[in-house]
């Protein structure tokens, strides 16, 4: 199981889950393309399931910590179609088989 610790204070409004966040800032166009709109709050689907993005990082040290290898980015996602869907880490690039179900704006820092 992945523990998600938001860097911003959690939304204390009843019924809301803690805010997701993005770590890292400047992205080159290749990373932007490989992320494919998978910002915190976005939902995408492919043949493996339907996933809500909880966390996105492009920070090289955090990416290596999460993926246990080097990469350009890492995501923590949760399969929304599984009632027991636990958050897990992915580092795969956006492909033609991925479809954005719910858009989320790229956060600004």
N, C-alpha and C. Protein backbone atom coordinates (compact mmCIF):
# COMPACT_ATOMS: atom_id res chain seq x y z
N UNK A 1 0.83 -1.17 0.00
CA UNK A 1 0.00 0.00 0.00
C UNK A 1 0.88 1.24 0.00
N UNK A 2 0.47 2.26 -0.71
CA UNK A 2 1.20 3.52 -0.81
C UNK A 2 0.60 4.51 0.16
N UNK A 3 1.43 5.18 0.92
CA UNK A 3 0.96 6.25 1.80
C UNK A 3 1.12 7.56 1.06
N UNK A 4 0.06 8.33 0.97
CA UNK A 4 0.08 9.60 0.26
C UNK A 4 0.01 10.71 1.29
N UNK A 5 1.03 11.55 1.28
CA UNK A 5 1.09 12.66 2.22
C UNK A 5 1.05 13.96 1.43
N UNK A 6 -0.07 14.66 1.42
CA UNK A 6 -0.14 15.91 0.68
C UNK A 6 0.82 16.95 1.23
N UNK A 7 1.37 17.77 0.32
CA UNK A 7 2.27 18.83 0.76
C UNK A 7 1.47 20.06 1.17
N UNK A 8 0.22 20.12 0.77
CA UNK A 8 -0.65 21.23 1.14
C UNK A 8 -1.62 20.74 2.20
N UNK A 9 -2.15 21.64 3.02
CA UNK A 9 -3.12 21.21 4.05
C UNK A 9 -4.33 20.54 3.41
N UNK A 10 -4.84 19.55 4.07
CA UNK A 10 -6.02 18.84 3.56
C UNK A 10 -7.25 19.74 3.62
N UNK A 11 -8.15 19.51 2.69
CA UNK A 11 -9.42 20.23 2.69
C UNK A 11 -10.24 19.69 3.86
N UNK A 12 -10.58 20.54 4.78
CA UNK A 12 -11.26 20.11 5.99
C UNK A 12 -12.78 20.09 5.84
N UNK A 13 -13.30 20.38 4.65
CA UNK A 13 -14.73 20.37 4.43
C UNK A 13 -15.24 18.94 4.54
N UNK A 14 -16.35 18.75 5.22
CA UNK A 14 -16.90 17.40 5.41
C UNK A 14 -17.12 16.72 4.07
N UNK A 15 -16.72 15.47 3.99
CA UNK A 15 -16.95 14.68 2.79
C UNK A 15 -15.87 14.82 1.73
N UNK A 16 -14.88 15.66 1.94
CA UNK A 16 -13.82 15.83 0.96
C UNK A 16 -12.59 15.05 1.40
N UNK A 17 -11.90 14.51 0.43
CA UNK A 17 -10.65 13.82 0.72
C UNK A 17 -9.52 14.83 0.67
N UNK A 18 -8.36 14.51 1.25
CA UNK A 18 -7.24 15.44 1.20
C UNK A 18 -6.87 15.78 -0.24
N UNK A 19 -6.43 17.01 -0.44
CA UNK A 19 -6.04 17.46 -1.77
C UNK A 19 -4.86 16.65 -2.28
N UNK A 20 -4.89 16.32 -3.56
CA UNK A 20 -3.75 15.70 -4.21
C UNK A 20 -2.78 16.81 -4.59
N UNK A 21 -1.59 16.45 -4.99
CA UNK A 21 -0.65 17.49 -5.34
C UNK A 21 0.32 17.03 -6.41
N UNK A 22 1.02 18.01 -6.94
CA UNK A 22 2.04 17.79 -7.96
C UNK A 22 3.37 18.24 -7.38
N UNK A 23 4.40 17.48 -7.64
CA UNK A 23 5.73 17.83 -7.20
C UNK A 23 6.61 17.98 -8.44
N UNK A 24 7.39 19.01 -8.50
CA UNK A 24 8.20 19.31 -9.68
C UNK A 24 7.58 20.50 -10.38
N UNK A 25 8.31 21.12 -11.29
CA UNK A 25 7.73 22.32 -11.88
C UNK A 25 7.91 22.39 -13.38
N UNK A 26 9.09 22.70 -13.85
CA UNK A 26 9.30 22.94 -15.27
C UNK A 26 9.31 21.61 -16.02
N UNK A 27 8.48 21.50 -17.04
CA UNK A 27 8.41 20.28 -17.83
C UNK A 27 8.81 20.57 -19.27
N UNK A 28 9.56 19.64 -19.87
CA UNK A 28 9.80 19.80 -21.29
C UNK A 28 8.63 19.18 -22.05
N UNK A 29 8.53 19.46 -23.33
CA UNK A 29 7.37 19.03 -24.11
C UNK A 29 7.24 17.51 -24.16
N UNK A 30 8.37 16.79 -24.11
CA UNK A 30 8.30 15.33 -24.15
C UNK A 30 7.64 14.77 -22.89
N UNK A 31 8.00 15.31 -21.73
CA UNK A 31 7.39 14.86 -20.48
C UNK A 31 5.91 15.23 -20.47
N UNK A 32 5.61 16.44 -20.91
CA UNK A 32 4.21 16.89 -20.99
C UNK A 32 3.39 15.92 -21.85
N UNK A 33 3.94 15.51 -22.98
CA UNK A 33 3.26 14.57 -23.88
C UNK A 33 3.10 13.19 -23.23
N UNK A 34 4.13 12.72 -22.53
CA UNK A 34 4.08 11.41 -21.89
C UNK A 34 3.10 11.38 -20.71
N UNK A 35 2.92 12.52 -20.04
CA UNK A 35 1.93 12.60 -18.97
C UNK A 35 0.52 12.59 -19.52
N UNK A 36 0.31 13.19 -20.66
CA UNK A 36 -0.99 13.13 -21.33
C UNK A 36 -2.16 13.68 -20.53
N UNK A 37 -1.95 14.69 -19.74
CA UNK A 37 -3.06 15.26 -18.98
C UNK A 37 -3.35 14.58 -17.66
N UNK A 38 -2.45 13.71 -17.23
CA UNK A 38 -2.67 12.99 -15.96
C UNK A 38 -2.17 13.82 -14.78
N UNK A 39 -2.94 14.84 -14.45
CA UNK A 39 -2.67 15.69 -13.30
C UNK A 39 -3.58 15.27 -12.16
N UNK A 40 -3.23 15.59 -10.92
CA UNK A 40 -4.09 15.20 -9.80
C UNK A 40 -5.54 15.64 -10.02
N UNK A 41 -6.44 14.70 -9.83
CA UNK A 41 -7.86 14.95 -10.04
C UNK A 41 -8.37 14.41 -11.37
N UNK A 42 -7.47 14.18 -12.32
CA UNK A 42 -7.88 13.63 -13.62
C UNK A 42 -8.24 12.16 -13.46
N UNK A 43 -9.10 11.69 -14.35
CA UNK A 43 -9.45 10.28 -14.42
C UNK A 43 -9.21 9.84 -15.86
N UNK A 44 -8.51 8.72 -16.02
CA UNK A 44 -8.28 8.18 -17.35
C UNK A 44 -8.56 6.68 -17.33
N UNK A 45 -8.79 6.14 -18.51
CA UNK A 45 -9.01 4.70 -18.58
C UNK A 45 -8.25 4.10 -19.74
N UNK A 46 -8.00 2.81 -19.61
CA UNK A 46 -7.39 2.01 -20.65
C UNK A 46 -7.84 0.57 -20.43
N UNK A 47 -7.22 -0.37 -21.10
CA UNK A 47 -7.66 -1.77 -21.00
C UNK A 47 -7.46 -2.35 -19.59
N UNK A 48 -6.64 -1.71 -18.77
CA UNK A 48 -6.37 -2.21 -17.42
C UNK A 48 -7.37 -1.72 -16.38
N UNK A 49 -8.11 -0.65 -16.67
CA UNK A 49 -9.06 -0.12 -15.70
C UNK A 49 -9.31 1.36 -15.91
N UNK A 50 -9.90 1.98 -14.90
CA UNK A 50 -10.17 3.42 -14.90
C UNK A 50 -9.50 3.99 -13.65
N UNK A 51 -8.66 4.99 -13.83
CA UNK A 51 -7.78 5.43 -12.76
C UNK A 51 -7.92 6.91 -12.46
N UNK A 52 -8.00 7.23 -11.17
CA UNK A 52 -7.96 8.61 -10.72
C UNK A 52 -6.52 8.92 -10.33
N UNK A 53 -6.01 10.04 -10.82
CA UNK A 53 -4.65 10.46 -10.50
C UNK A 53 -4.66 11.18 -9.16
N UNK A 54 -3.88 10.67 -8.21
CA UNK A 54 -3.81 11.25 -6.88
C UNK A 54 -2.57 12.12 -6.70
N UNK A 55 -1.50 11.80 -7.43
CA UNK A 55 -0.22 12.48 -7.25
C UNK A 55 0.56 12.40 -8.54
N UNK A 56 1.25 13.48 -8.88
CA UNK A 56 2.14 13.53 -10.04
C UNK A 56 3.43 14.18 -9.60
N UNK A 57 4.57 13.57 -9.96
CA UNK A 57 5.86 14.20 -9.68
C UNK A 57 6.78 14.08 -10.88
N UNK A 58 7.56 15.13 -11.09
CA UNK A 58 8.63 15.12 -12.08
C UNK A 58 9.98 15.35 -11.40
N UNK A 59 9.97 15.42 -10.08
CA UNK A 59 11.20 15.60 -9.31
C UNK A 59 12.03 14.32 -9.42
N UNK A 60 13.25 14.39 -10.00
CA UNK A 60 14.04 13.17 -10.23
C UNK A 60 14.26 12.31 -8.99
N UNK A 61 14.52 12.93 -7.85
CA UNK A 61 14.76 12.15 -6.62
C UNK A 61 13.49 11.43 -6.18
N UNK A 62 12.34 12.10 -6.24
CA UNK A 62 11.07 11.48 -5.84
C UNK A 62 10.68 10.39 -6.84
N UNK A 63 10.90 10.64 -8.14
CA UNK A 63 10.60 9.63 -9.16
C UNK A 63 11.39 8.36 -8.87
N UNK A 64 12.69 8.51 -8.61
CA UNK A 64 13.53 7.34 -8.33
C UNK A 64 13.09 6.62 -7.06
N UNK A 65 12.70 7.38 -6.06
CA UNK A 65 12.22 6.78 -4.81
C UNK A 65 10.94 5.96 -5.04
N UNK A 66 10.02 6.50 -5.83
CA UNK A 66 8.75 5.82 -6.06
C UNK A 66 8.87 4.64 -7.01
N UNK A 67 9.60 4.83 -8.11
CA UNK A 67 9.69 3.78 -9.14
C UNK A 67 10.82 2.78 -8.90
N UNK A 68 11.74 3.13 -8.01
CA UNK A 68 12.95 2.31 -7.77
C UNK A 68 13.79 2.20 -9.04
N UNK A 69 13.71 3.23 -9.86
CA UNK A 69 14.51 3.36 -11.07
C UNK A 69 14.42 4.81 -11.51
N UNK A 70 15.26 5.19 -12.44
CA UNK A 70 15.16 6.55 -12.97
C UNK A 70 13.98 6.65 -13.93
N UNK A 71 13.43 7.82 -14.03
CA UNK A 71 12.34 8.08 -14.95
C UNK A 71 12.09 9.57 -15.02
N UNK A 72 11.22 9.98 -15.93
CA UNK A 72 10.92 11.40 -16.08
C UNK A 72 9.77 11.85 -15.17
N UNK A 73 8.92 10.90 -14.77
CA UNK A 73 7.79 11.23 -13.92
C UNK A 73 7.29 9.97 -13.23
N UNK A 74 6.48 10.18 -12.20
CA UNK A 74 5.80 9.07 -11.52
C UNK A 74 4.42 9.56 -11.11
N UNK A 75 3.47 8.67 -11.13
CA UNK A 75 2.09 8.97 -10.74
C UNK A 75 1.67 7.99 -9.65
N UNK A 76 0.81 8.45 -8.78
CA UNK A 76 0.12 7.54 -7.87
C UNK A 76 -1.34 7.61 -8.29
N UNK A 77 -1.89 6.45 -8.61
CA UNK A 77 -3.26 6.36 -9.12
C UNK A 77 -4.05 5.33 -8.32
N UNK A 78 -5.37 5.40 -8.47
CA UNK A 78 -6.26 4.43 -7.82
C UNK A 78 -7.29 3.99 -8.85
N UNK A 79 -7.50 2.68 -8.98
CA UNK A 79 -8.49 2.15 -9.91
C UNK A 79 -9.88 2.40 -9.35
N UNK A 80 -10.65 3.23 -10.03
CA UNK A 80 -11.97 3.62 -9.53
C UNK A 80 -13.04 2.57 -9.81
N UNK A 81 -12.74 1.57 -10.61
CA UNK A 81 -13.71 0.52 -10.91
C UNK A 81 -13.66 -0.63 -9.92
N UNK A 82 -12.63 -0.65 -9.09
CA UNK A 82 -12.49 -1.72 -8.09
C UNK A 82 -12.83 -1.17 -6.72
N UNK A 83 -13.77 -1.78 -6.02
CA UNK A 83 -14.12 -1.29 -4.69
C UNK A 83 -12.94 -1.36 -3.71
N UNK A 84 -12.04 -2.30 -3.95
CA UNK A 84 -10.87 -2.45 -3.08
C UNK A 84 -9.63 -1.81 -3.69
N UNK A 85 -9.84 -0.91 -4.65
CA UNK A 85 -8.73 -0.30 -5.37
C UNK A 85 -7.81 0.52 -4.46
N UNK A 86 -6.62 0.00 -4.22
CA UNK A 86 -5.61 0.69 -3.41
C UNK A 86 -4.74 1.54 -4.34
N UNK A 87 -4.26 2.68 -3.86
CA UNK A 87 -3.35 3.49 -4.66
C UNK A 87 -2.09 2.71 -5.01
N UNK A 88 -1.58 2.93 -6.22
CA UNK A 88 -0.33 2.32 -6.63
C UNK A 88 0.42 3.27 -7.56
N UNK A 89 1.67 2.97 -7.79
CA UNK A 89 2.58 3.85 -8.52
C UNK A 89 2.72 3.37 -9.96
N UNK A 90 2.69 4.32 -10.90
CA UNK A 90 2.94 4.02 -12.31
C UNK A 90 3.93 5.03 -12.87
N UNK A 91 4.64 4.62 -13.89
CA UNK A 91 5.57 5.50 -14.58
C UNK A 91 5.48 5.34 -16.07
N UNK A 92 4.37 4.79 -16.54
CA UNK A 92 4.21 4.52 -17.96
C UNK A 92 3.74 5.76 -18.71
N UNK A 93 4.20 5.88 -19.95
CA UNK A 93 3.84 7.01 -20.80
C UNK A 93 2.41 6.86 -21.31
N UNK A 94 1.79 7.98 -21.61
CA UNK A 94 0.45 8.04 -22.21
C UNK A 94 0.53 7.39 -23.58
N UNK A 95 -0.46 6.55 -23.90
CA UNK A 95 -0.48 5.89 -25.21
C UNK A 95 -1.82 6.12 -25.90
N UNK A 96 -1.94 5.62 -27.12
CA UNK A 96 -3.20 5.74 -27.86
C UNK A 96 -4.33 4.96 -27.22
N UNK A 97 -4.01 4.00 -26.36
CA UNK A 97 -5.06 3.22 -25.70
C UNK A 97 -5.61 3.91 -24.45
N UNK A 98 -4.96 5.00 -24.01
CA UNK A 98 -5.44 5.77 -22.85
C UNK A 98 -6.46 6.80 -23.30
N UNK A 99 -7.51 6.97 -22.49
CA UNK A 99 -8.55 7.95 -22.76
C UNK A 99 -8.79 8.77 -21.51
N UNK A 100 -8.80 10.09 -21.67
CA UNK A 100 -9.08 10.98 -20.54
C UNK A 100 -10.58 11.02 -20.32
N UNK A 101 -11.03 10.63 -19.12
CA UNK A 101 -12.44 10.59 -18.77
C UNK A 101 -12.84 11.90 -18.09
N UNK A 102 -11.99 12.37 -17.18
CA UNK A 102 -12.22 13.64 -16.49
C UNK A 102 -10.92 14.42 -16.51
N UNK A 103 -11.00 15.60 -17.07
CA UNK A 103 -9.84 16.47 -17.20
C UNK A 103 -9.54 17.16 -15.87
N UNK A 104 -8.26 17.39 -15.63
CA UNK A 104 -7.83 18.21 -14.48
C UNK A 104 -6.81 19.20 -15.01
N UNK A 105 -6.91 20.42 -14.58
CA UNK A 105 -5.96 21.43 -15.02
C UNK A 105 -4.59 21.17 -14.41
N UNK A 106 -3.59 21.52 -15.19
CA UNK A 106 -2.22 21.42 -14.69
C UNK A 106 -2.06 22.46 -13.59
N UNK A 107 -1.66 22.03 -12.41
CA UNK A 107 -1.49 22.98 -11.31
C UNK A 107 -0.37 23.97 -11.61
N UNK A 108 -0.50 25.16 -11.10
CA UNK A 108 0.55 26.15 -11.22
C UNK A 108 1.17 26.34 -9.86
N UNK A 109 2.43 26.64 -9.83
CA UNK A 109 3.16 26.84 -8.57
C UNK A 109 3.71 28.21 -8.53
